[in-house]
Protein backbone atom coordinates (compact mmCIF):
# COMPACT_ATOMS: atom_id res chain seq x y z
CA MET A 1 203.74 335.71 191.19
CA ASP A 2 205.02 332.75 193.16
CA TRP A 3 201.68 332.38 194.95
CA ILE A 4 199.86 332.28 191.62
CA LEU A 5 202.12 329.49 190.40
CA LEU A 6 201.59 327.64 193.67
CA LEU A 7 197.82 327.99 193.32
CA VAL A 8 197.93 326.63 189.78
CA VAL A 9 199.97 323.63 190.94
CA VAL A 10 197.55 322.94 193.82
CA LEU A 11 194.51 323.12 191.52
CA ALA A 12 196.22 320.83 189.03
CA VAL A 13 196.94 318.27 191.77
CA ILE A 14 193.31 318.41 192.95
CA ALA A 15 192.02 317.98 189.38
CA VAL A 16 194.26 314.94 188.81
CA GLY A 17 193.13 313.47 192.13
CA VAL A 18 189.45 313.86 191.24
CA TRP A 19 190.01 312.33 187.79
CA MET A 20 191.82 309.32 189.28
CA PHE A 21 189.04 308.83 191.85
CA VAL A 22 186.32 308.86 189.18
CA LYS A 23 188.32 306.57 186.89
CA ASP A 24 189.00 304.10 189.71
CA LYS A 25 185.33 304.05 190.72
CA LYS A 26 184.23 303.43 187.15
CA GLU A 27 186.69 300.55 186.75
CA LYS A 28 185.51 299.01 190.01
CA ASP A 29 181.87 299.29 188.93
CA GLU A 30 182.64 297.65 185.59
CA ALA A 31 184.53 294.87 187.37
CA ILE A 32 181.45 293.79 189.34
CA PRO A 33 180.62 290.18 188.34
CA ALA A 34 177.48 289.83 186.21
CA GLU A 35 175.84 287.60 188.82
CA GLN A 36 176.29 290.23 191.50
CA ARG A 37 175.02 293.03 189.28
CA LYS A 38 171.92 291.03 188.36
CA ALA A 39 171.22 290.66 192.06
CA LEU A 40 170.76 294.42 192.40
CA ALA A 41 167.29 295.88 192.90
CA ALA A 42 165.04 295.87 189.85
CA PRO A 43 164.80 299.09 187.84
CA VAL A 44 162.06 301.44 189.03
CA GLY A 45 159.04 302.54 187.02
CA ARG A 46 158.62 299.67 184.59
CA THR A 47 154.81 299.97 184.44
CA HIS A 48 154.76 303.75 183.99
CA GLU A 49 152.68 304.54 180.86
CA GLN A 50 152.16 300.81 180.30
CA GLY A 51 148.45 301.44 179.85
CA ARG A 52 149.11 303.59 176.78
CA VAL A 53 150.96 300.77 175.09
CA ILE A 54 148.28 298.20 175.89
CA ARG A 55 145.45 300.49 174.76
CA ARG A 56 147.26 301.14 171.49
CA LEU A 57 147.65 297.40 170.91
CA LYS A 58 144.02 296.69 171.77
CA GLY A 59 142.90 299.39 169.34
CA PHE A 60 145.21 297.99 166.66
CA ALA A 61 143.89 294.46 167.24
CA GLY A 62 140.26 295.59 167.25
CA ASP A 63 140.66 297.55 164.01
CA ASN A 64 142.05 294.51 162.22
CA GLY A 65 140.05 291.69 163.76
CA TYR A 66 143.08 290.32 165.61
CA GLU A 67 143.35 288.65 169.01
CA VAL A 68 145.22 290.24 171.91
CA ILE A 69 146.45 288.51 175.07
CA VAL A 70 147.05 290.69 178.14
CA PRO A 71 149.24 290.14 180.04
CA GLY A 72 151.49 288.15 177.73
CA ARG A 73 152.76 285.77 180.39
CA ILE A 74 153.06 282.38 178.69
CA CYS A 75 154.48 279.29 180.39
CA GLN A 76 156.95 277.06 178.59
CA GLY A 77 158.96 274.50 180.49
CA ALA A 78 160.29 276.11 183.65
CA GLY A 79 160.07 279.63 182.21
CA VAL A 80 157.40 282.31 181.88
CA THR A 81 157.45 285.11 179.33
CA ASP A 82 157.18 288.68 180.60
CA PHE A 83 155.48 290.46 177.71
CA ASP A 84 152.90 293.10 178.47
CA ALA A 85 150.74 292.04 175.54
CA ILE A 86 150.75 289.61 172.64
CA VAL A 87 148.84 290.23 169.41
CA VAL A 88 147.91 287.37 167.09
CA GLY A 89 147.04 288.43 163.56
CA SER A 90 147.18 287.48 159.91
CA PHE A 91 150.86 288.51 159.91
CA GLY A 92 151.80 286.19 162.79
CA VAL A 93 152.54 286.96 166.45
CA LEU A 94 153.72 290.28 167.89
CA ALA A 95 154.89 290.27 171.52
CA VAL A 96 155.45 293.67 173.13
CA THR A 97 157.34 294.74 176.24
CA SER A 98 156.69 298.19 177.72
CA LEU A 99 159.48 299.71 179.81
CA GLY A 100 158.43 302.96 181.46
CA TYR A 101 161.72 303.47 183.30
CA PRO A 102 162.31 307.10 184.31
CA GLY A 103 165.75 308.70 184.47
CA LYS A 104 168.61 307.80 182.18
CA VAL A 105 168.97 304.40 180.49
CA TYR A 106 172.35 303.30 179.12
CA GLY A 107 173.09 300.26 176.96
CA ASN A 108 173.47 298.83 173.50
CA GLU A 109 172.24 295.81 171.61
CA LYS A 110 175.20 293.59 172.52
CA GLU A 111 175.77 294.46 176.18
CA LYS A 112 174.62 291.86 178.68
CA LEU A 113 173.57 294.50 181.20
CA TRP A 114 171.97 297.90 180.79
CA THR A 115 171.93 300.64 183.43
CA GLN A 116 169.23 302.92 184.80
CA THR A 117 170.19 306.00 186.81
CA THR A 118 167.69 308.08 188.78
CA ASN A 119 167.81 310.23 191.90
CA ARG A 120 167.52 306.95 193.80
CA GLY A 121 170.80 305.68 192.44
CA ARG A 122 172.09 303.37 189.77
CA VAL A 123 170.66 299.95 188.87
CA ALA A 124 171.97 297.34 186.42
CA PHE A 125 169.42 295.17 184.62
CA GLU A 126 169.52 292.48 181.97
CA ASN A 127 169.53 293.66 178.36
CA PRO A 128 165.80 293.79 177.48
CA LEU A 129 166.49 292.83 173.87
CA THR A 130 168.28 289.67 174.99
CA VAL A 131 165.38 288.88 177.32
CA GLN A 132 162.88 289.38 174.51
CA ALA A 133 164.82 287.12 172.13
CA ALA A 134 164.85 284.29 174.69
CA GLN A 135 161.16 284.72 175.41
CA ALA A 136 160.30 284.79 171.70
CA ARG A 137 161.93 281.37 171.44
CA MET A 138 159.62 280.20 174.22
CA LEU A 139 156.60 281.36 172.22
CA ARG A 140 157.87 279.49 169.16
CA GLU A 141 158.29 276.36 171.27
CA VAL A 142 154.67 276.59 172.44
CA LEU A 143 153.48 276.99 168.86
CA PHE A 144 155.72 274.18 167.64
CA ALA A 145 154.31 271.88 170.32
CA ASN A 146 150.85 272.66 168.96
CA ARG A 147 151.89 271.92 165.37
CA LEU A 148 151.86 275.58 164.42
CA ARG A 149 155.36 275.56 163.02
CA SER A 150 155.35 278.26 160.36
CA VAL A 151 153.91 281.17 162.37
CA PRO A 152 156.20 284.24 162.35
CA VAL A 153 156.99 285.58 165.83
CA GLU A 154 158.41 289.05 166.39
CA THR A 155 158.91 291.38 169.33
CA MET A 156 158.95 295.09 170.10
CA CYS A 157 160.54 296.86 173.05
CA VAL A 158 158.77 300.15 173.77
CA PHE A 159 159.85 303.01 176.04
CA PRO A 160 156.61 305.02 176.40
CA ASN A 161 157.78 307.36 179.17
CA SER A 162 158.61 310.73 177.59
CA GLY A 163 160.78 311.47 180.63
CA THR A 164 163.18 308.63 179.87
CA GLU A 165 166.56 309.77 178.55
CA LEU A 166 167.68 306.95 176.28
CA LEU A 167 171.46 306.97 175.98
CA VAL A 168 171.72 304.16 173.45
CA PRO A 169 173.03 303.97 169.86
CA ARG A 170 170.53 305.06 167.22
CA SER A 171 170.67 301.60 165.66
CA THR A 172 169.36 299.94 168.84
CA PRO A 173 165.98 298.33 168.00
CA ILE A 174 163.88 300.02 170.66
CA LEU A 175 160.91 302.31 170.11
CA ARG A 176 159.44 305.46 171.58
CA MET A 177 155.64 305.66 171.71
CA LYS A 178 155.40 307.69 168.49
CA GLU A 179 157.65 305.25 166.64
CA PHE A 180 155.68 302.32 168.04
CA SER A 181 152.37 303.71 166.76
CA ALA A 182 153.92 304.40 163.35
CA MET A 183 155.30 300.86 163.19
CA LEU A 184 151.84 299.36 163.75
CA ARG A 185 150.54 301.28 160.74
CA LYS A 186 152.97 299.58 158.37
CA ASP A 187 151.55 297.25 155.71
CA HIS A 188 153.60 294.44 157.21
CA PHE A 189 151.06 294.09 160.01
CA THR A 190 148.14 293.62 157.63
CA ASP A 191 149.90 291.06 155.42
CA ASP A 192 148.00 287.80 155.09
CA LYS A 193 150.46 285.02 155.87
CA LYS A 194 147.71 282.43 156.20
CA VAL A 195 147.95 282.36 159.98
CA ASP A 196 145.14 280.55 161.77
CA ILE A 197 144.47 283.33 164.26
CA ASP A 198 142.03 281.36 166.39
CA ALA A 199 144.30 278.30 166.65
CA VAL A 200 147.39 280.35 167.54
CA ALA A 201 145.55 282.44 170.13
CA LYS A 202 144.03 279.30 171.64
CA ALA A 203 147.44 277.62 171.94
CA LEU A 204 148.99 280.67 173.62
CA ARG A 205 146.08 281.18 175.99
CA ALA A 206 146.23 277.52 176.97
CA ALA A 207 149.88 278.05 177.92
CA ALA A 208 149.16 281.28 179.81
CA GLU A 209 150.47 281.50 183.34
CA LYS A 210 147.89 280.27 185.81
CA LYS A 211 147.45 282.65 188.72
């Protein structure tokens, strides 16, 4: 019986050691300064299934007589927006980002950094919702500079890759492809808010990044 007790003690010591190792590693990872974590390699697979999102937006715009700008890279000051497409319609402006990241994606609306894990490893990247909010302000600044002050601007963050495992709170304002398509069918996007579609599209195209 003594050897059984000894075996139990040894296994318990090993289990505690493994737990402490994992805990220590996690704490060290979380202690990495934001600047250093941002310097890590970019997440892989961003453009995966991007075409589906853009085709859906083009179809939506065509069905409603709206304008679509692809890619949605608009210059304002020293910055450039990174939207995959921008739709200008009677409802205002809709700027969409498609993130086809494979693997697991962790984060929440308030965290500065999100994490992608794949078989290639772990990568930290800036909260896409925070990025979108900052870039939406850039669009408003372009419109304001062109005396288009009352045009509503909104954004959508779409994860079209069915292989992405989204480990985020349900309340996080991100969309799967099915949810994205359903959102575009809402009456909100056919509301007439007296937007001058041609003038808004012209202003945004004039500010488009020159290649």
